[in-house]
Protein backbone atom coordinates (compact mmCIF):
# COMPACT_ATOMS: atom_id res chain seq x y z
CA MET A 1 12.15 -0.73 -15.92
CA HIS A 2 15.48 -2.08 -14.81
CA ILE A 3 16.10 -4.87 -12.30
CA SER A 4 17.57 -2.67 -9.55
CA SER A 5 14.43 -0.51 -9.52
CA LEU A 6 12.25 -3.57 -9.03
CA GLU A 7 14.53 -4.81 -6.25
CA ASN A 8 14.48 -1.42 -4.50
CA MET A 9 10.68 -1.39 -4.59
CA LYS A 10 10.45 -4.98 -3.34
CA ASN A 11 12.76 -4.04 -0.46
CA PHE A 12 10.53 -1.07 0.40
CA ARG A 13 7.44 -3.29 0.45
CA LYS A 14 9.17 -5.91 2.61
CA LYS A 15 10.62 -3.45 5.13
CA TYR A 16 7.70 -1.00 5.48
CA LEU A 17 4.55 -2.89 4.49
CA SER A 18 5.10 -6.51 5.55
CA GLY A 19 2.38 -7.63 7.94
CA ARG A 20 -0.07 -5.04 6.63
CA GLU A 21 -1.56 -7.22 3.87
CA GLY A 22 -4.84 -7.46 5.81
CA GLU A 23 -5.24 -3.68 5.93
CA PRO A 24 -7.15 -1.98 3.10
CA LEU A 25 -4.32 0.16 1.72
CA THR A 26 -4.60 2.36 -1.35
CA ILE A 27 -1.31 2.39 -3.25
CA LEU A 28 -0.81 4.90 -6.07
CA ASP A 29 1.98 4.36 -8.58
CA ILE A 30 2.84 7.72 -10.14
CA GLY A 31 4.17 7.32 -13.68
CA SER A 32 2.91 3.76 -13.93
CA GLN A 33 2.81 3.28 -17.69
CA SER A 34 4.92 0.25 -18.48
CA TYR A 35 6.36 -1.35 -21.55
CA GLN A 36 7.72 -4.45 -19.81
CA GLU A 37 7.81 -4.74 -16.03
CA SER A 38 5.74 -2.81 -13.51
CA TYR A 39 5.39 -2.61 -9.74
CA ARG A 40 1.78 -3.87 -9.85
CA SER A 41 2.58 -7.48 -8.90
CA ILE A 42 4.56 -6.30 -5.85
CA PHE A 43 1.52 -4.47 -4.45
CA THR A 44 -1.43 -6.60 -5.61
CA VAL A 45 -1.89 -8.58 -2.41
CA GLY A 46 -4.44 -8.99 0.36
CA GLN A 47 -6.73 -6.00 0.73
CA TRP A 48 -4.44 -3.58 -1.07
CA THR A 49 -5.70 -1.56 -4.01
CA TYR A 50 -3.00 -0.68 -6.54
CA ILE A 51 -3.82 2.23 -8.87
CA GLY A 52 -1.51 3.03 -11.75
CA VAL A 53 -1.47 6.77 -12.49
CA ASP A 54 0.07 8.58 -15.45
CA ILE A 55 -0.47 11.57 -17.71
CA VAL A 56 -1.24 9.37 -20.72
CA ALA A 57 -3.32 6.24 -21.17
CA GLY A 58 -1.43 3.00 -21.66
CA ASN A 59 -0.44 -0.36 -20.27
CA ASN A 60 -0.70 -0.45 -16.45
CA VAL A 61 -2.51 2.93 -16.28
CA ASP A 62 -5.77 2.97 -14.31
CA MET A 63 -6.10 6.76 -13.96
CA VAL A 64 -5.00 9.51 -16.34
CA LEU A 65 -4.25 12.86 -14.72
CA SER A 66 -5.49 15.92 -16.55
CA ASP A 67 -2.68 18.09 -15.16
CA LEU A 68 0.81 16.89 -14.26
CA TYR A 69 1.12 19.41 -11.43
CA LYS A 70 -2.42 19.62 -10.01
CA TRP A 71 -4.12 16.30 -9.33
CA ASP A 72 -7.78 17.26 -8.99
CA GLU A 73 -8.72 13.61 -9.55
CA ILE A 74 -7.15 12.63 -6.21
CA GLY A 75 -8.39 13.96 -2.88
CA SER A 76 -6.19 15.39 -0.16
CA ASN A 77 -5.19 12.96 2.62
CA SER A 78 -6.69 10.04 0.69
CA VAL A 79 -3.79 7.69 -0.18
CA ASP A 80 -1.90 5.33 2.13
CA VAL A 81 1.17 4.76 -0.04
CA VAL A 82 2.59 6.60 -3.05
CA ILE A 83 5.26 4.89 -5.11
CA SER A 84 7.13 6.14 -8.14
CA GLY A 85 10.15 4.81 -9.97
CA GLN A 86 12.16 6.16 -12.87
CA VAL A 87 9.81 9.12 -13.33
CA LEU A 88 11.02 12.17 -11.39
CA GLU A 89 13.97 12.74 -13.71
CA HIS A 90 11.48 13.24 -16.57
CA ILE A 91 9.39 15.88 -14.78
CA GLU A 92 10.51 19.45 -15.41
CA PHE A 93 9.14 20.87 -12.14
CA PHE A 94 9.51 17.81 -9.88
CA TRP A 95 9.01 19.87 -6.71
CA LEU A 96 5.42 20.58 -7.79
CA THR A 97 4.88 16.84 -8.20
CA MET A 98 6.26 16.29 -4.69
CA GLU A 99 3.83 18.89 -3.35
CA GLU A 100 0.99 16.82 -4.80
CA ILE A 101 2.41 13.60 -3.35
CA ALA A 102 2.53 15.22 0.10
CA ARG A 103 -1.00 16.59 -0.34
CA ILE A 104 -2.63 13.27 -1.25
CA LEU A 105 -0.85 11.16 1.37
CA LYS A 106 -2.85 10.38 4.48
CA PRO A 107 -1.24 11.35 7.78
CA GLU A 108 1.40 8.67 8.47
CA GLY A 109 1.21 7.66 4.79
CA LEU A 110 4.40 6.51 3.10
CA CYS A 111 6.07 7.29 -0.19
CA CYS A 112 8.87 5.50 -1.98
CA ILE A 113 10.47 7.47 -4.79
CA ILE A 114 13.23 5.95 -6.93
CA ALA A 115 15.20 8.03 -9.44
CA PRO A 116 18.61 7.73 -11.05
CA SER A 117 21.75 9.46 -9.85
CA GLY A 118 23.65 8.37 -12.97
CA GLY A 119 23.25 6.99 -16.44
CA PRO A 120 23.03 8.55 -19.88
CA GLU A 121 20.43 11.03 -21.04
CA HIS A 122 17.24 9.18 -22.00
CA LYS A 123 14.59 11.58 -23.20
CA TYR A 124 11.00 10.49 -22.73
CA PRO A 125 10.11 13.15 -23.77
CA VAL A 126 12.63 15.04 -21.60
CA ASP A 127 15.37 13.99 -19.18
CA CYS A 128 15.98 16.88 -16.79
CA TRP A 129 17.48 15.66 -13.54
CA ARG A 130 19.60 13.25 -11.51
CA PHE A 131 19.06 12.83 -7.77
CA PHE A 132 21.31 12.25 -4.77
CA PRO A 133 20.32 11.47 -1.17
CA ASP A 134 20.86 15.06 0.00
CA GLY A 135 18.64 16.32 -2.80
CA PHE A 136 15.89 13.88 -1.84
CA ARG A 137 16.21 14.90 1.82
CA ALA A 138 15.88 18.56 0.82
CA LEU A 139 12.87 17.76 -1.36
CA ALA A 140 11.13 15.87 1.47
CA HIS A 141 11.88 18.73 3.86
CA TYR A 142 10.42 21.21 1.34
CA VAL A 143 7.06 19.37 1.40
CA ASP A 144 7.15 18.59 5.15
CA LEU A 145 7.66 14.84 4.86
CA GLU A 146 9.73 12.93 7.42
CA VAL A 147 12.67 11.18 5.78
CA LEU A 148 12.94 7.54 6.81
CA GLU A 149 15.65 6.71 4.26
CA ALA A 150 17.52 8.52 1.50
CA ARG A 151 20.21 6.40 -0.08
CA ARG A 152 22.02 5.39 -3.23
CA PRO A 153 24.39 2.48 -3.81
CA GLU A 154 28.00 3.06 -2.82
CA GLU A 155 29.06 0.64 -5.55
CA THR A 156 27.46 -1.43 -8.28
CA LYS A 157 25.20 -4.18 -6.99
CA GLY A 158 26.08 -6.78 -9.62
CA PHE A 159 22.84 -6.55 -11.55
CA ASP A 160 23.29 -6.29 -15.29
CA PRO A 161 25.19 -3.26 -16.66
CA ALA A 162 21.93 -1.81 -18.02
CA SER A 163 20.64 -1.67 -14.44
CA ASP A 164 23.73 -0.73 -12.43
CA ILE A 165 24.47 2.29 -14.63
CA TRP A 166 21.51 4.22 -13.15
CA ALA A 167 22.77 4.08 -9.52
CA ASP A 168 19.22 4.55 -8.24
CA THR A 169 18.63 6.91 -5.35
CA VAL A 170 15.77 5.90 -3.09
CA LEU A 171 13.67 8.18 -0.89
CA ILE A 172 11.33 6.69 1.68
CA ALA A 173 9.36 9.29 3.59
CA ARG A 174 6.30 9.56 5.82
CA LYS A 175 3.70 12.27 6.17
CA PRO A 176 3.50 13.35 9.82
CA LYS A 177 0.33 13.07 11.89
CA LEU A 178 -1.92 16.10 11.63
């Protein structure tokens, strides 16, 4: 995981979750398998429960999904926060994944999705997409989530070249009240 992705996730936590450390929040990290860095340390505080979710077992994975597009292991309206970084570009039918994110979020639950808008092809095992703010807004609208932010950097942020090249797009959205 590159530095800008970690910074984007830290900024999400600070802006949207600060002051909620005493609440028992369930935070699911979709595509959590890590080889170096992970988001776990950002969300392992107070009464929060971080659960790393992926389609294969590995480092930082607490739950393995049996189906990428139908998450029977996770109940509807059961998760306070869904996070995912550097994953959506590797999912062939990402809109089905977003349907599951919307389904499992509790009313007023938040999601933070980070995906590249640039960078070279990097198959793992496939690399299908790049995302821009308008695309993330459309995706949130498709699954009836309220967009709080959809942005990408206007210019490089001065991280290292291996990080800036991805020009991460960030979607922060909320599930409406029932």
